Amino acid sequence: MTKSKGLPIEVQAATGFILIQLAHKLVAELPGAMNIAGTAVSPMVYAVIALSAGYVVAFVTCLFRIHWGFIIGIVLGIEIILQPIIFHVIMGIPKDPPYYILFPILQGILLTYFCWLGYRVTKKSN
C-alpha cells in the first residue's frame, strides 16, 4: 500500500465535515434565522454569520494542520449538539417531525469526533 503525501485521512475527514457544516449554515440556517427574526438585521442572523466565520477559520487552519483549527471545530461541534436541545427542547419551538432533532445532534457528534481525530494525528506528527 502506498502512503499518501497529502493530508492525513483524519484531517481530510475533519475539513470535509467542516465544509459541509459551513454550507448547511449558509444554505439552511441563515435563511431560517432571517425568517424567524423577520429581518436580515438581527442578533440571530449575526450569530449565524459569526458561526459561519468560525467554520471558515476552522477549515483554513485545519488545512494547514494548525491545532487551533481542530479545537475550533470541536467547539462548533458542541454548538451543533446544543442548538437543537436549546431551540426545540428548552425553548419549545416545535419541529416537525419531532425526531428530526436527532440529526443535528448526530452531525455535531461526528464533527467533534473527526476534529478530535484530526487533532490527535497532527499532534503526533509534530
N, C-alpha and C. Protein backbone atom coordinates (compact mmCIF):
# COMPACT_ATOMS: atom_id res chain seq x y z
N MET A 1 0.85 -1.17 0.00
CA MET A 1 0.00 0.00 0.00
C MET A 1 0.90 1.24 0.00
N THR A 2 0.63 2.14 -0.90
CA THR A 2 1.43 3.36 -0.97
C THR A 2 0.90 4.39 0.00
N LYS A 3 1.79 5.15 0.55
CA LYS A 3 1.42 6.17 1.51
C LYS A 3 1.19 7.50 0.79
N SER A 4 0.10 8.15 1.11
CA SER A 4 -0.22 9.44 0.50
C SER A 4 0.70 10.51 1.07
N LYS A 5 1.13 11.41 0.22
CA LYS A 5 1.97 12.51 0.67
C LYS A 5 1.15 13.76 0.97
N GLY A 6 -0.15 13.67 0.80
CA GLY A 6 -1.01 14.81 1.09
C GLY A 6 -1.43 14.84 2.55
N LEU A 7 -2.62 15.33 2.78
CA LEU A 7 -3.15 15.42 4.14
C LEU A 7 -3.54 14.03 4.65
N PRO A 8 -3.35 13.77 5.94
CA PRO A 8 -3.83 12.51 6.52
C PRO A 8 -5.35 12.40 6.38
N ILE A 9 -5.83 11.18 6.32
CA ILE A 9 -7.25 10.95 6.11
C ILE A 9 -8.10 11.55 7.23
N GLU A 10 -7.56 11.60 8.45
CA GLU A 10 -8.29 12.19 9.56
C GLU A 10 -8.48 13.69 9.37
N VAL A 11 -7.45 14.34 8.84
CA VAL A 11 -7.55 15.78 8.57
C VAL A 11 -8.52 16.02 7.41
N GLN A 12 -8.48 15.16 6.39
CA GLN A 12 -9.41 15.29 5.28
C GLN A 12 -10.85 15.12 5.74
N ALA A 13 -11.09 14.16 6.63
CA ALA A 13 -12.45 13.93 7.14
C ALA A 13 -12.93 15.15 7.93
N ALA A 14 -12.06 15.68 8.78
CA ALA A 14 -12.45 16.84 9.59
C ALA A 14 -12.74 18.05 8.71
N THR A 15 -11.86 18.35 7.76
CA THR A 15 -12.08 19.51 6.90
C THR A 15 -13.29 19.33 5.99
N GLY A 16 -13.50 18.12 5.52
CA GLY A 16 -14.68 17.86 4.70
C GLY A 16 -15.97 18.06 5.47
N PHE A 17 -16.00 17.59 6.71
CA PHE A 17 -17.21 17.75 7.51
C PHE A 17 -17.41 19.20 7.92
N ILE A 18 -16.33 19.91 8.18
CA ILE A 18 -16.44 21.35 8.48
C ILE A 18 -17.03 22.08 7.28
N LEU A 19 -16.59 21.73 6.09
CA LEU A 19 -17.09 22.37 4.87
C LEU A 19 -18.59 22.09 4.67
N ILE A 20 -19.00 20.86 4.96
CA ILE A 20 -20.43 20.51 4.85
C ILE A 20 -21.25 21.32 5.84
N GLN A 21 -20.76 21.46 7.07
CA GLN A 21 -21.49 22.22 8.08
C GLN A 21 -21.54 23.71 7.75
N LEU A 22 -20.47 24.23 7.13
CA LEU A 22 -20.48 25.63 6.68
C LEU A 22 -21.56 25.83 5.63
N ALA A 23 -21.63 24.92 4.68
CA ALA A 23 -22.67 25.02 3.65
C ALA A 23 -24.06 24.95 4.27
N HIS A 24 -24.23 24.09 5.26
CA HIS A 24 -25.53 23.97 5.94
C HIS A 24 -25.91 25.27 6.64
N LYS A 25 -24.92 25.90 7.29
CA LYS A 25 -25.19 27.19 7.96
C LYS A 25 -25.66 28.24 6.96
N LEU A 26 -24.97 28.31 5.82
CA LEU A 26 -25.28 29.35 4.84
C LEU A 26 -26.56 29.07 4.06
N VAL A 27 -26.84 27.80 3.78
CA VAL A 27 -27.98 27.46 2.92
C VAL A 27 -29.27 27.25 3.72
N ALA A 28 -29.17 26.66 4.90
CA ALA A 28 -30.38 26.34 5.66
C ALA A 28 -30.61 27.26 6.85
N GLU A 29 -29.59 27.45 7.66
CA GLU A 29 -29.81 28.19 8.91
C GLU A 29 -29.87 29.69 8.73
N LEU A 30 -29.11 30.27 7.80
CA LEU A 30 -29.16 31.71 7.59
C LEU A 30 -30.54 32.16 7.10
N PRO A 31 -31.10 31.53 6.06
CA PRO A 31 -32.47 31.92 5.68
C PRO A 31 -33.50 31.64 6.78
N GLY A 32 -33.29 30.55 7.54
CA GLY A 32 -34.21 30.25 8.64
C GLY A 32 -34.14 31.31 9.73
N ALA A 33 -32.94 31.78 10.03
CA ALA A 33 -32.79 32.85 11.02
C ALA A 33 -33.44 34.14 10.54
N MET A 34 -33.33 34.42 9.24
CA MET A 34 -33.97 35.62 8.70
C MET A 34 -35.49 35.51 8.77
N ASN A 35 -36.02 34.31 8.51
CA ASN A 35 -37.47 34.12 8.59
C ASN A 35 -37.97 34.25 10.02
N ILE A 36 -37.24 33.67 10.98
CA ILE A 36 -37.66 33.74 12.38
C ILE A 36 -37.59 35.18 12.88
N ALA A 37 -36.49 35.87 12.54
CA ALA A 37 -36.30 37.24 13.02
C ALA A 37 -37.18 38.23 12.26
N GLY A 38 -37.53 37.91 11.03
CA GLY A 38 -38.35 38.81 10.22
C GLY A 38 -37.54 39.89 9.52
N THR A 39 -36.24 39.90 9.73
CA THR A 39 -35.38 40.89 9.10
C THR A 39 -33.97 40.31 8.97
N ALA A 40 -33.21 40.92 8.09
CA ALA A 40 -31.82 40.47 7.90
C ALA A 40 -30.89 41.08 8.94
N VAL A 41 -31.38 42.05 9.69
CA VAL A 41 -30.55 42.72 10.70
C VAL A 41 -31.10 42.35 12.08
N SER A 42 -30.57 41.27 12.63
CA SER A 42 -30.99 40.84 13.97
C SER A 42 -29.84 40.08 14.62
N PRO A 43 -29.87 39.98 15.93
CA PRO A 43 -28.81 39.24 16.62
C PRO A 43 -28.72 37.78 16.17
N MET A 44 -29.86 37.17 15.85
CA MET A 44 -29.85 35.77 15.42
C MET A 44 -29.12 35.60 14.09
N VAL A 45 -29.33 36.53 13.18
CA VAL A 45 -28.65 36.48 11.89
C VAL A 45 -27.16 36.73 12.07
N TYR A 46 -26.82 37.68 12.94
CA TYR A 46 -25.40 37.94 13.21
C TYR A 46 -24.73 36.73 13.85
N ALA A 47 -25.46 36.00 14.68
CA ALA A 47 -24.90 34.81 15.31
C ALA A 47 -24.59 33.73 14.26
N VAL A 48 -25.50 33.54 13.31
CA VAL A 48 -25.26 32.55 12.26
C VAL A 48 -24.07 32.97 11.40
N ILE A 49 -23.95 34.26 11.10
CA ILE A 49 -22.81 34.76 10.32
C ILE A 49 -21.51 34.57 11.11
N ALA A 50 -21.53 34.83 12.42
CA ALA A 50 -20.34 34.64 13.25
C ALA A 50 -19.93 33.17 13.30
N LEU A 51 -20.91 32.28 13.43
CA LEU A 51 -20.59 30.86 13.43
C LEU A 51 -20.05 30.41 12.08
N SER A 52 -20.60 30.97 11.00
CA SER A 52 -20.09 30.67 9.67
C SER A 52 -18.64 31.11 9.53
N ALA A 53 -18.32 32.26 10.08
CA ALA A 53 -16.93 32.74 10.07
C ALA A 53 -16.04 31.79 10.87
N GLY A 54 -16.57 31.25 11.97
CA GLY A 54 -15.83 30.26 12.74
C GLY A 54 -15.54 29.01 11.94
N TYR A 55 -16.50 28.58 11.13
CA TYR A 55 -16.28 27.42 10.26
C TYR A 55 -15.20 27.70 9.23
N VAL A 56 -15.20 28.90 8.68
CA VAL A 56 -14.18 29.26 7.69
C VAL A 56 -12.79 29.24 8.34
N VAL A 57 -12.68 29.83 9.53
CA VAL A 57 -11.40 29.84 10.24
C VAL A 57 -10.96 28.42 10.56
N ALA A 58 -11.88 27.59 11.04
CA ALA A 58 -11.55 26.21 11.36
C ALA A 58 -11.11 25.45 10.11
N PHE A 59 -11.80 25.65 9.00
CA PHE A 59 -11.47 24.96 7.76
C PHE A 59 -10.06 25.31 7.29
N VAL A 60 -9.76 26.59 7.25
CA VAL A 60 -8.45 27.03 6.76
C VAL A 60 -7.34 26.57 7.68
N THR A 61 -7.53 26.72 8.99
CA THR A 61 -6.47 26.32 9.91
C THR A 61 -6.28 24.81 9.95
N CYS A 62 -7.36 24.06 9.77
CA CYS A 62 -7.21 22.59 9.70
C CYS A 62 -6.44 22.17 8.45
N LEU A 63 -6.68 22.86 7.34
CA LEU A 63 -5.93 22.53 6.12
C LEU A 63 -4.42 22.71 6.31
N PHE A 64 -4.06 23.70 7.13
CA PHE A 64 -2.64 23.93 7.41
C PHE A 64 -2.16 23.16 8.62
N ARG A 65 -2.98 22.24 9.12
CA ARG A 65 -2.65 21.38 10.26
C ARG A 65 -2.31 22.16 11.52
N ILE A 66 -3.00 23.26 11.73
CA ILE A 66 -2.83 24.06 12.94
C ILE A 66 -3.82 23.52 13.98
N HIS A 67 -3.33 23.24 15.16
CA HIS A 67 -4.14 22.59 16.19
C HIS A 67 -5.38 23.38 16.56
N TRP A 68 -5.28 24.70 16.55
CA TRP A 68 -6.43 25.53 16.94
C TRP A 68 -7.62 25.33 16.02
N GLY A 69 -7.38 24.99 14.77
CA GLY A 69 -8.49 24.74 13.85
C GLY A 69 -9.33 23.56 14.30
N PHE A 70 -8.68 22.51 14.79
CA PHE A 70 -9.42 21.35 15.27
C PHE A 70 -10.14 21.65 16.58
N ILE A 71 -9.52 22.47 17.41
CA ILE A 71 -10.18 22.86 18.66
C ILE A 71 -11.42 23.71 18.36
N ILE A 72 -11.30 24.62 17.41
CA ILE A 72 -12.47 25.41 16.99
C ILE A 72 -13.55 24.49 16.43
N GLY A 73 -13.14 23.50 15.64
CA GLY A 73 -14.09 22.52 15.10
C GLY A 73 -14.80 21.74 16.20
N ILE A 74 -14.08 21.38 17.25
CA ILE A 74 -14.70 20.67 18.37
C ILE A 74 -15.72 21.56 19.07
N VAL A 75 -15.38 22.83 19.27
CA VAL A 75 -16.31 23.77 19.90
C VAL A 75 -17.55 23.95 19.02
N LEU A 76 -17.36 24.06 17.70
CA LEU A 76 -18.50 24.19 16.79
C LEU A 76 -19.35 22.92 16.78
N GLY A 77 -18.72 21.76 16.92
CA GLY A 77 -19.46 20.51 17.01
C GLY A 77 -20.33 20.47 18.25
N ILE A 78 -19.80 20.95 19.36
CA ILE A 78 -20.58 21.01 20.60
C ILE A 78 -21.74 21.99 20.43
N GLU A 79 -21.50 23.07 19.70
CA GLU A 79 -22.59 24.03 19.42
C GLU A 79 -23.70 23.37 18.62
N ILE A 80 -23.32 22.54 17.66
CA ILE A 80 -24.34 21.85 16.85
C ILE A 80 -25.15 20.89 17.72
N ILE A 81 -24.50 20.25 18.67
CA ILE A 81 -25.21 19.34 19.57
C ILE A 81 -26.19 20.11 20.46
N LEU A 82 -25.75 21.26 20.98
CA LEU A 82 -26.59 22.02 21.91
C LEU A 82 -27.71 22.79 21.23
N GLN A 83 -27.52 23.19 19.98
CA GLN A 83 -28.50 24.04 19.30
C GLN A 83 -29.90 23.44 19.26
N PRO A 84 -30.10 22.20 18.80
CA PRO A 84 -31.48 21.68 18.80
C PRO A 84 -32.04 21.45 20.20
N ILE A 85 -31.16 21.16 21.14
CA ILE A 85 -31.62 20.98 22.52
C ILE A 85 -32.15 22.31 23.06
N ILE A 86 -31.43 23.39 22.80
CA ILE A 86 -31.86 24.71 23.29
C ILE A 86 -33.13 25.17 22.59
N PHE A 87 -33.14 25.08 21.24
CA PHE A 87 -34.27 25.62 20.49
C PHE A 87 -35.54 24.78 20.64
N HIS A 88 -35.40 23.47 20.53
CA HIS A 88 -36.60 22.63 20.44
C HIS A 88 -37.02 22.01 21.77
N VAL A 89 -36.07 21.77 22.67
CA VAL A 89 -36.42 21.16 23.95
C VAL A 89 -36.65 22.23 25.01
N ILE A 90 -35.68 23.12 25.18
CA ILE A 90 -35.79 24.13 26.24
C ILE A 90 -36.75 25.25 25.86
N MET A 91 -36.57 25.83 24.65
CA MET A 91 -37.43 26.94 24.24
C MET A 91 -38.78 26.47 23.72
N GLY A 92 -38.89 25.21 23.36
CA GLY A 92 -40.17 24.65 22.93
C GLY A 92 -40.59 25.02 21.52
N ILE A 93 -39.66 25.42 20.67
CA ILE A 93 -40.00 25.70 19.27
C ILE A 93 -40.29 24.36 18.61
N PRO A 94 -41.51 24.17 18.08
CA PRO A 94 -41.86 22.85 17.54
C PRO A 94 -41.07 22.52 16.28
N LYS A 95 -40.77 21.25 16.12
CA LYS A 95 -40.09 20.76 14.93
C LYS A 95 -40.87 19.57 14.44
N ASP A 96 -41.21 19.59 13.17
CA ASP A 96 -42.00 18.51 12.60
C ASP A 96 -41.16 17.76 11.59
N PRO A 97 -40.90 16.53 11.72
CA PRO A 97 -41.26 15.61 12.79
C PRO A 97 -40.35 15.79 14.00
N PRO A 98 -40.82 15.38 15.19
CA PRO A 98 -40.06 15.64 16.42
C PRO A 98 -38.71 14.93 16.48
N TYR A 99 -38.59 13.78 15.83
CA TYR A 99 -37.32 13.05 15.87
C TYR A 99 -36.24 13.73 15.03
N TYR A 100 -36.57 14.79 14.31
CA TYR A 100 -35.60 15.47 13.45
C TYR A 100 -34.42 16.04 14.25
N ILE A 101 -34.64 16.36 15.52
CA ILE A 101 -33.55 16.94 16.32
C ILE A 101 -32.40 15.96 16.51
N LEU A 102 -32.63 14.68 16.26
CA LEU A 102 -31.55 13.70 16.38
C LEU A 102 -30.49 13.88 15.29
N PHE A 103 -30.88 14.36 14.12
CA PHE A 103 -29.93 14.50 13.01
C PHE A 103 -28.86 15.56 13.28
N PRO A 104 -29.21 16.78 13.72
CA PRO A 104 -28.15 17.73 14.02
C PRO A 104 -27.28 17.27 15.20
N ILE A 105 -27.88 16.58 16.15
CA ILE A 105 -27.08 16.08 17.27
C ILE A 105 -26.05 15.07 16.76
N LEU A 106 -26.47 14.19 15.85
CA LEU A 106 -25.53 13.24 15.25
C LEU A 106 -24.45 13.95 14.44
N GLN A 107 -24.83 14.99 13.70
CA GLN A 107 -23.83 15.76 12.94
C GLN A 107 -22.82 16.42 13.88
N GLY A 108 -23.28 16.94 15.00
CA GLY A 108 -22.36 17.55 15.97
C GLY A 108 -21.41 16.53 16.57
N ILE A 109 -21.93 15.34 16.86
CA ILE A 109 -21.08 14.28 17.39
C ILE A 109 -20.02 13.88 16.37
N LEU A 110 -20.43 13.75 15.11
CA LEU A 110 -19.47 13.38 14.06
C LEU A 110 -18.41 14.46 13.85
N LEU A 111 -18.82 15.73 13.84
CA LEU A 111 -17.85 16.81 13.67
C LEU A 111 -16.87 16.83 14.84
N THR A 112 -17.37 16.67 16.04
CA THR A 112 -16.49 16.64 17.21
C THR A 112 -15.51 15.47 17.12
N TYR A 113 -16.00 14.31 16.73
CA TYR A 113 -15.15 13.13 16.62
C TYR A 113 -14.08 13.29 15.55
N PHE A 114 -14.47 13.76 14.36
CA PHE A 114 -13.50 13.93 13.28
C PHE A 114 -12.44 14.97 13.63
N CYS A 115 -12.86 16.05 14.27
CA CYS A 115 -11.89 17.07 14.67
C CYS A 115 -10.96 16.55 15.76
N TRP A 116 -11.48 15.74 16.66
CA TRP A 116 -10.64 15.13 17.68
C TRP A 116 -9.61 14.20 17.04
N LEU A 117 -10.04 13.40 16.06
CA LEU A 117 -9.09 12.52 15.35
C LEU A 117 -8.03 13.34 14.63
N GLY A 118 -8.46 14.40 13.94
CA GLY A 118 -7.50 15.26 13.23
C GLY A 118 -6.53 15.92 14.19
N TYR A 119 -7.02 16.36 15.32
CA TYR A 119 -6.15 16.98 16.34
C TYR A 119 -5.12 15.97 16.83
N ARG A 120 -5.58 14.76 17.10
CA ARG A 120 -4.69 13.72 17.60
C ARG A 120 -3.60 13.36 16.59
N VAL A 121 -3.97 13.26 15.33
CA VAL A 121 -3.00 12.91 14.28
C VAL A 121 -1.99 14.03 14.08
N THR A 122 -2.44 15.27 14.04
CA THR A 122 -1.49 16.37 13.85
C THR A 122 -0.61 16.56 15.08
N LYS A 123 -1.12 16.24 16.24
CA LYS A 123 -0.30 16.34 17.46
C LYS A 123 0.82 15.31 17.43
N LYS A 124 0.54 14.10 16.91
CA LYS A 124 1.56 13.05 16.82
C LYS A 124 2.63 13.40 15.78
N SER A 125 2.21 14.04 14.69
CA SER A 125 3.14 14.31 13.60
C SER A 125 4.11 15.44 13.92
N ASN A 126 3.79 16.26 14.91
CA ASN A 126 4.68 17.37 15.25
C ASN A 126 5.74 16.95 16.20
